[in-house]
Structure formats: C-alpha cells, structure tokens
Amino acid sequence: MIAGGPAPLIAAYLLQRTGSTTAISFYIIGCVLLSLIALALIPRTGEAPASQDGGQVAGSAKAML
C-alpha cells in the first residue's frame, strides 16, 4: 500500500523536504525490506505430494472426457 499509488507523492515530498534523492532511495529500500519480511511470513502452500495419476486433477478436461 505504501509502495503503490502514493509512492510518487511520498517521493515528491521527500525530495522537497530533503533536496536530495537519497531519502527516496532509503524509502524504496524500506519498502523492499518490508516486502521481503511479508514474503517470508506467508505460509507455504502446494507442498503436498503429487497424485498417482501423473499430476492430473480430477476436474481436468482430460478426466471429464
């Protein structure tokens, strides 16, 4: 949310307040770190073993024919 739509406004504010693009760089680095932390906290799914029929699911087009 903080790196999406309002990012240009935040970047313009930081540039106006500091007069340097370094603050914008730190803002982007902070967003990246926050995203990496969120990614690490997401539970993993899809680790179930493959099915016996070669990975086909029961609702696939081939199974319906």
PDB file of N, CA and C in Angstrom:
ATOM      1  N   MET A   1       0.812  -1.186   0.000  1.00  0.00           N
ATOM      2  CA  MET A   1       0.000   0.000   0.000  1.00  0.00           C
ATOM      3  C   MET A   1       0.865   1.263   0.000  1.00  0.00           C
ATOM      4  N   ILE A   2       1.987   1.219   0.692  1.00  0.00           N
ATOM      5  CA  ILE A   2       2.829   2.420   0.755  1.00  0.00           C
ATOM      6  C   ILE A   2       3.777   2.524  -0.427  1.00  0.00           C
ATOM      7  N   ALA A   3       3.903   1.444  -1.204  1.00  0.00           N
ATOM      8  CA  ALA A   3       4.798   1.487  -2.353  1.00  0.00           C
ATOM      9  C   ALA A   3       4.028   1.530  -3.662  1.00  0.00           C
ATOM     10  N   GLY A   4       2.737   1.585  -3.595  1.00  0.00           N
ATOM     11  CA  GLY A   4       1.920   1.560  -4.801  1.00  0.00           C
ATOM     12  C   GLY A   4       1.527   2.951  -5.258  1.00  0.00           C
ATOM     13  N   GLY A   5       0.262   3.263  -5.123  1.00  0.00           N
ATOM     14  CA  GLY A   5      -0.293   4.518  -5.624  1.00  0.00           C
ATOM     15  C   GLY A   5       0.318   5.779  -5.036  1.00  0.00           C
ATOM     16  N   PRO A   6       0.491   5.847  -3.718  1.00  0.00           N
ATOM     17  CA  PRO A   6       1.015   7.101  -3.153  1.00  0.00           C
ATOM     18  C   PRO A   6       2.532   7.254  -3.254  1.00  0.00           C
ATOM     19  N   ALA A   7       3.227   6.313  -3.844  1.00  0.00           N
ATOM     20  CA  ALA A   7       4.689   6.381  -3.918  1.00  0.00           C
ATOM     21  C   ALA A   7       5.198   7.656  -4.592  1.00  0.00           C
ATOM     22  N   PRO A   8       4.623   8.100  -5.714  1.00  0.00           N
ATOM     23  CA  PRO A   8       5.125   9.348  -6.312  1.00  0.00           C
ATOM     24  C   PRO A   8       4.917  10.567  -5.407  1.00  0.00           C
ATOM     25  N   LEU A   9       3.819  10.570  -4.668  1.00  0.00           N
ATOM     26  CA  LEU A   9       3.570  11.683  -3.748  1.00  0.00           C
ATOM     27  C   LEU A   9       4.576  11.671  -2.606  1.00  0.00           C
ATOM     28  N   ILE A  10       4.848  10.486  -2.075  1.00  0.00           N
ATOM     29  CA  ILE A  10       5.821  10.360  -0.995  1.00  0.00           C
ATOM     30  C   ILE A  10       7.214  10.735  -1.501  1.00  0.00           C
ATOM     31  N   ALA A  11       7.555  10.296  -2.700  1.00  0.00           N
ATOM     32  CA  ALA A  11       8.858  10.632  -3.275  1.00  0.00           C
ATOM     33  C   ALA A  11       8.995  12.138  -3.491  1.00  0.00           C
ATOM     34  N   ALA A  12       7.947  12.771  -3.981  1.00  0.00           N
ATOM     35  CA  ALA A  12       7.988  14.224  -4.184  1.00  0.00           C
ATOM     36  C   ALA A  12       8.121  14.955  -2.857  1.00  0.00           C
ATOM     37  N   TYR A  13       7.418  14.470  -1.844  1.00  0.00           N
ATOM     38  CA  TYR A  13       7.518  15.075  -0.514  1.00  0.00           C
ATOM     39  C   TYR A  13       8.932  14.938   0.043  1.00  0.00           C
ATOM     40  N   LEU A  14       9.498  13.743  -0.070  1.00  0.00           N
ATOM     41  CA  LEU A  14      10.852  13.524   0.434  1.00  0.00           C
ATOM     42  C   LEU A  14      11.872  14.391  -0.311  1.00  0.00           C
ATOM     43  N   LEU A  15      11.707  14.511  -1.609  1.00  0.00           N
ATOM     44  CA  LEU A  15      12.623  15.344  -2.391  1.00  0.00           C
ATOM     45  C   LEU A  15      12.495  16.812  -1.995  1.00  0.00           C
ATOM     46  N   GLN A  16      11.268  17.262  -1.763  1.00  0.00           N
ATOM     47  CA  GLN A  16      11.050  18.653  -1.367  1.00  0.00           C
ATOM     48  C   GLN A  16      11.640  18.925   0.016  1.00  0.00           C
ATOM     49  N   ARG A  17      11.453  17.997   0.952  1.00  0.00           N
ATOM     50  CA  ARG A  17      11.922  18.199   2.325  1.00  0.00           C
ATOM     51  C   ARG A  17      13.444  18.105   2.449  1.00  0.00           C
ATOM     52  N   THR A  18      14.046  17.185   1.690  1.00  0.00           N
ATOM     53  CA  THR A  18      15.489  16.965   1.860  1.00  0.00           C
ATOM     54  C   THR A  18      16.333  17.594   0.764  1.00  0.00           C
ATOM     55  N   GLY A  19      15.757  17.772  -0.411  1.00  0.00           N
ATOM     56  CA  GLY A  19      16.509  18.320  -1.528  1.00  0.00           C
ATOM     57  C   GLY A  19      17.470  17.317  -2.139  1.00  0.00           C
ATOM     58  N   SER A  20      17.328  16.051  -1.752  1.00  0.00           N
ATOM     59  CA  SER A  20      18.236  15.014  -2.236  1.00  0.00           C
ATOM     60  C   SER A  20      17.438  13.757  -2.568  1.00  0.00           C
ATOM     61  N   THR A  21      17.935  13.028  -3.539  1.00  0.00           N
ATOM     62  CA  THR A  21      17.252  11.783  -3.906  1.00  0.00           C
ATOM     63  C   THR A  21      17.637  10.620  -2.987  1.00  0.00           C
ATOM     64  N   THR A  22      18.565  10.862  -2.077  1.00  0.00           N
ATOM     65  CA  THR A  22      18.983   9.818  -1.143  1.00  0.00           C
ATOM     66  C   THR A  22      17.819   9.373  -0.265  1.00  0.00           C
ATOM     67  N   ALA A  23      17.001  10.296   0.173  1.00  0.00           N
ATOM     68  CA  ALA A  23      15.847   9.949   1.006  1.00  0.00           C
ATOM     69  C   ALA A  23      14.872   9.054   0.242  1.00  0.00           C
ATOM     70  N   ILE A  24      14.714   9.306  -1.042  1.00  0.00           N
ATOM     71  CA  ILE A  24      13.845   8.462  -1.866  1.00  0.00           C
ATOM     72  C   ILE A  24      14.429   7.056  -1.961  1.00  0.00           C
ATOM     73  N   SER A  25      15.746   6.978  -2.077  1.00  0.00           N
ATOM     74  CA  SER A  25      16.404   5.667  -2.126  1.00  0.00           C
ATOM     75  C   SER A  25      16.165   4.893  -0.837  1.00  0.00           C
ATOM     76  N   PHE A  26      16.278   5.562   0.301  1.00  0.00           N
ATOM     77  CA  PHE A  26      16.025   4.898   1.579  1.00  0.00           C
ATOM     78  C   PHE A  26      14.557   4.486   1.711  1.00  0.00           C
ATOM     79  N   TYR A  27      13.660   5.287   1.185  1.00  0.00           N
ATOM     80  CA  TYR A  27      12.232   4.936   1.183  1.00  0.00           C
ATOM     81  C   TYR A  27      12.008   3.659   0.366  1.00  0.00           C
ATOM     82  N   ILE A  28      12.616   3.578  -0.795  1.00  0.00           N
ATOM     83  CA  ILE A  28      12.468   2.385  -1.644  1.00  0.00           C
ATOM     84  C   ILE A  28      13.085   1.167  -0.959  1.00  0.00           C
ATOM     85  N   ILE A  29      14.250   1.336  -0.348  1.00  0.00           N
ATOM     86  CA  ILE A  29      14.889   0.227   0.366  1.00  0.00           C
ATOM     87  C   ILE A  29      14.000  -0.240   1.512  1.00  0.00           C
ATOM     88  N   GLY A  30      13.389   0.685   2.216  1.00  0.00           N
ATOM     89  CA  GLY A  30      12.465   0.326   3.299  1.00  0.00           C
ATOM     90  C   GLY A  30      11.269  -0.459   2.785  1.00  0.00           C
ATOM     91  N   CYS A  31      10.735  -0.052   1.650  1.00  0.00           N
ATOM     92  CA  CYS A  31       9.610  -0.776   1.049  1.00  0.00           C
ATOM     93  C   CYS A  31      10.022  -2.191   0.637  1.00  0.00           C
ATOM     94  N   VAL A  32      11.226  -2.321   0.107  1.00  0.00           N
ATOM     95  CA  VAL A  32      11.733  -3.636  -0.295  1.00  0.00           C
ATOM     96  C   VAL A  32      11.889  -4.529   0.934  1.00  0.00           C
ATOM     97  N   LEU A  33      12.483  -4.001   1.995  1.00  0.00           N
ATOM     98  CA  LEU A  33      12.663  -4.786   3.212  1.00  0.00           C
ATOM     99  C   LEU A  33      11.322  -5.211   3.806  1.00  0.00           C
ATOM    100  N   LEU A  34      10.369  -4.315   3.817  1.00  0.00           N
ATOM    101  CA  LEU A  34       9.040  -4.639   4.316  1.00  0.00           C
ATOM    102  C   LEU A  34       8.387  -5.724   3.465  1.00  0.00           C
ATOM    103  N   SER A  35       8.567  -5.659   2.168  1.00  0.00           N
ATOM    104  CA  SER A  35       8.022  -6.671   1.266  1.00  0.00           C
ATOM    105  C   SER A  35       8.682  -8.022   1.477  1.00  0.00           C
ATOM    106  N   LEU A  36       9.991  -8.037   1.685  1.00  0.00           N
ATOM    107  CA  LEU A  36      10.703  -9.294   1.928  1.00  0.00           C
ATOM    108  C   LEU A  36      10.275  -9.933   3.245  1.00  0.00           C
ATOM    109  N   ILE A  37      10.053  -9.115   4.268  1.00  0.00           N
ATOM    110  CA  ILE A  37       9.569  -9.641   5.543  1.00  0.00           C
ATOM    111  C   ILE A  37       8.185 -10.238   5.378  1.00  0.00           C
ATOM    112  N   ALA A  38       7.315  -9.530   4.663  1.00  0.00           N
ATOM    113  CA  ALA A  38       5.965 -10.052   4.418  1.00  0.00           C
ATOM    114  C   ALA A  38       6.020 -11.348   3.624  1.00  0.00           C
ATOM    115  N   LEU A  39       6.897 -11.418   2.652  1.00  0.00           N
ATOM    116  CA  LEU A  39       7.046 -12.635   1.851  1.00  0.00           C
ATOM    117  C   LEU A  39       7.527 -13.803   2.705  1.00  0.00           C
ATOM    118  N   ALA A  40       8.436 -13.534   3.621  1.00  0.00           N
ATOM    119  CA  ALA A  40       8.950 -14.598   4.488  1.00  0.00           C
ATOM    120  C   ALA A  40       7.890 -15.104   5.452  1.00  0.00           C
ATOM    121  N   LEU A  41       6.921 -14.272   5.789  1.00  0.00           N
ATOM    122  CA  LEU A  41       5.883 -14.660   6.748  1.00  0.00           C
ATOM    123  C   LEU A  41       4.687 -15.355   6.107  1.00  0.00           C
ATOM    124  N   ILE A  42       4.609 -15.348   4.786  1.00  0.00           N
ATOM    125  CA  ILE A  42       3.493 -16.006   4.104  1.00  0.00           C
ATOM    126  C   ILE A  42       3.673 -17.514   4.223  1.00  0.00           C
ATOM    127  N   PRO A  43       2.628 -18.227   4.670  1.00  0.00           N
ATOM    128  CA  PRO A  43       2.766 -19.684   4.771  1.00  0.00           C
ATOM    129  C   PRO A  43       2.879 -20.324   3.397  1.00  0.00           C
ATOM    130  N   ARG A  44       3.719 -21.350   3.324  1.00  0.00           N
ATOM    131  CA  ARG A  44       3.901 -22.066   2.056  1.00  0.00           C
ATOM    132  C   ARG A  44       2.733 -23.011   1.834  1.00  0.00           C
ATOM    133  N   THR A  45       2.289 -23.071   0.592  1.00  0.00           N
ATOM    134  CA  THR A  45       1.230 -23.999   0.218  1.00  0.00           C
ATOM    135  C   THR A  45       1.688 -24.777  -1.009  1.00  0.00           C
ATOM    136  N   GLY A  46       0.959 -25.814  -1.352  1.00  0.00           N
ATOM    137  CA  GLY A  46       1.290 -26.568  -2.547  1.00  0.00           C
ATOM    138  C   GLY A  46       2.432 -27.537  -2.354  1.00  0.00           C
ATOM    139  N   GLU A  47       2.736 -27.883  -1.126  1.00  0.00           N
ATOM    140  CA  GLU A  47       3.818 -28.814  -0.876  1.00  0.00           C
ATOM    141  C   GLU A  47       3.322 -30.249  -0.731  1.00  0.00           C
ATOM    142  N   ALA A  48       2.068 -30.492  -1.084  1.00  0.00           N
ATOM    143  CA  ALA A  48       1.516 -31.840  -0.999  1.00  0.00           C
ATOM    144  C   ALA A  48       2.160 -32.702  -2.082  1.00  0.00           C
ATOM    145  N   PRO A  49       2.332 -33.996  -1.815  1.00  0.00           N
ATOM    146  CA  PRO A  49       2.919 -34.864  -2.853  1.00  0.00           C
ATOM    147  C   PRO A  49       2.018 -34.955  -4.076  1.00  0.00           C
ATOM    148  N   ALA A  50       2.638 -35.202  -5.220  1.00  0.00           N
ATOM    149  CA  ALA A  50       1.883 -35.310  -6.471  1.00  0.00           C
ATOM    150  C   ALA A  50       0.964 -36.529  -6.413  1.00  0.00           C
ATOM    151  N   SER A  51      -0.134 -36.465  -7.131  1.00  0.00           N
ATOM    152  CA  SER A  51      -1.081 -37.577  -7.140  1.00  0.00           C
ATOM    153  C   SER A  51      -0.535 -38.744  -7.969  1.00  0.00           C
ATOM    154  N   GLN A  52      -1.146 -39.888  -7.837  1.00  0.00           N
ATOM    155  CA  GLN A  52      -0.681 -41.104  -8.502  1.00  0.00           C
ATOM    156  C   GLN A  52      -0.922 -41.095 -10.010  1.00  0.00           C
ATOM    157  N   ASP A  53      -1.835 -40.272 -10.493  1.00  0.00           N
ATOM    158  CA  ASP A  53      -2.174 -40.277 -11.921  1.00  0.00           C
ATOM    159  C   ASP A  53      -1.344 -39.274 -12.727  1.00  0.00           C
ATOM    160  N   GLY A  54      -0.130 -39.015 -12.293  1.00  0.00           N
ATOM    161  CA  GLY A  54       0.762 -38.152 -13.064  1.00  0.00           C
ATOM    162  C   GLY A  54       0.496 -36.678 -12.886  1.00  0.00           C
ATOM    163  N   GLY A  55      -0.131 -36.294 -11.802  1.00  0.00           N
ATOM    164  CA  GLY A  55      -0.365 -34.893 -11.534  1.00  0.00           C
ATOM    165  C   GLY A  55      -1.684 -34.366 -12.067  1.00  0.00           C
ATOM    166  N   GLN A  56      -2.477 -35.174 -12.703  1.00  0.00           N
ATOM    167  CA  GLN A  56      -3.769 -34.745 -13.199  1.00  0.00           C
ATOM    168  C   GLN A  56      -4.740 -34.610 -12.037  1.00  0.00           C
ATOM    169  N   VAL A  57      -5.518 -33.573 -12.060  1.00  0.00           N
ATOM    170  CA  VAL A  57      -6.547 -33.406 -11.044  1.00  0.00           C
ATOM    171  C   VAL A  57      -7.859 -33.962 -11.579  1.00  0.00           C
ATOM    172  N   ALA A  58      -8.751 -34.331 -10.686  1.00  0.00           N
ATOM    173  CA  ALA A  58      -9.989 -34.986 -11.096  1.00  0.00           C
ATOM    174  C   ALA A  58     -10.846 -34.089 -11.978  1.00  0.00           C
ATOM    175  N   GLY A  59     -10.765 -32.774 -11.809  1.00  0.00           N
ATOM    176  CA  GLY A  59     -11.616 -31.888 -12.583  1.00  0.00           C
ATOM    177  C   GLY A  59     -11.000 -31.402 -13.874  1.00  0.00           C
ATOM    178  N   SER A  60      -9.908 -32.001 -14.308  1.00  0.00           N
ATOM    179  CA  SER A  60      -9.262 -31.525 -15.523  1.00  0.00           C
ATOM    180  C   SER A  60     -10.070 -31.914 -16.753  1.00  0.00           C
ATOM    181  N   ALA A  61      -9.772 -31.311 -17.870  1.00  0.00           N
ATOM    182  CA  ALA A  61     -10.515 -31.569 -19.110  1.00  0.00           C
ATOM    183  C   ALA A  61     -10.353 -33.024 -19.546  1.00  0.00           C
ATOM    184  N   LYS A  62      -9.173 -33.601 -19.388  1.00  0.00           N
ATOM    185  CA  LYS A  62      -8.944 -34.981 -19.810  1.00  0.00           C
ATOM    186  C   LYS A  62      -9.768 -35.944 -18.948  1.00  0.00           C
ATOM    187  N   ALA A  63      -9.878 -35.664 -17.656  1.00  0.00           N
ATOM    188  CA  ALA A  63     -10.649 -36.543 -16.783  1.00  0.00           C
ATOM    189  C   ALA A  63     -12.141 -36.443 -17.070  1.00  0.00           C
ATOM    190  N   MET A  64     -12.602 -35.340 -17.602  1.00  0.00           N
ATOM    191  CA  MET A  64     -14.019 -35.143 -17.884  1.00  0.00           C
ATOM    192  C   MET A  64     -14.427 -35.826 -19.170  1.00  0.00           C
ATOM    193  N   LEU A  65     -13.491 -36.105 -20.061  1.00  0.00           N
ATOM    194  CA  LEU A  65     -13.828 -36.725 -21.343  1.00  0.00           C
ATOM    195  C   LEU A  65     -14.015 -38.167 -21.108  1.00  0.00           C
TER     196      LEU A  65
END
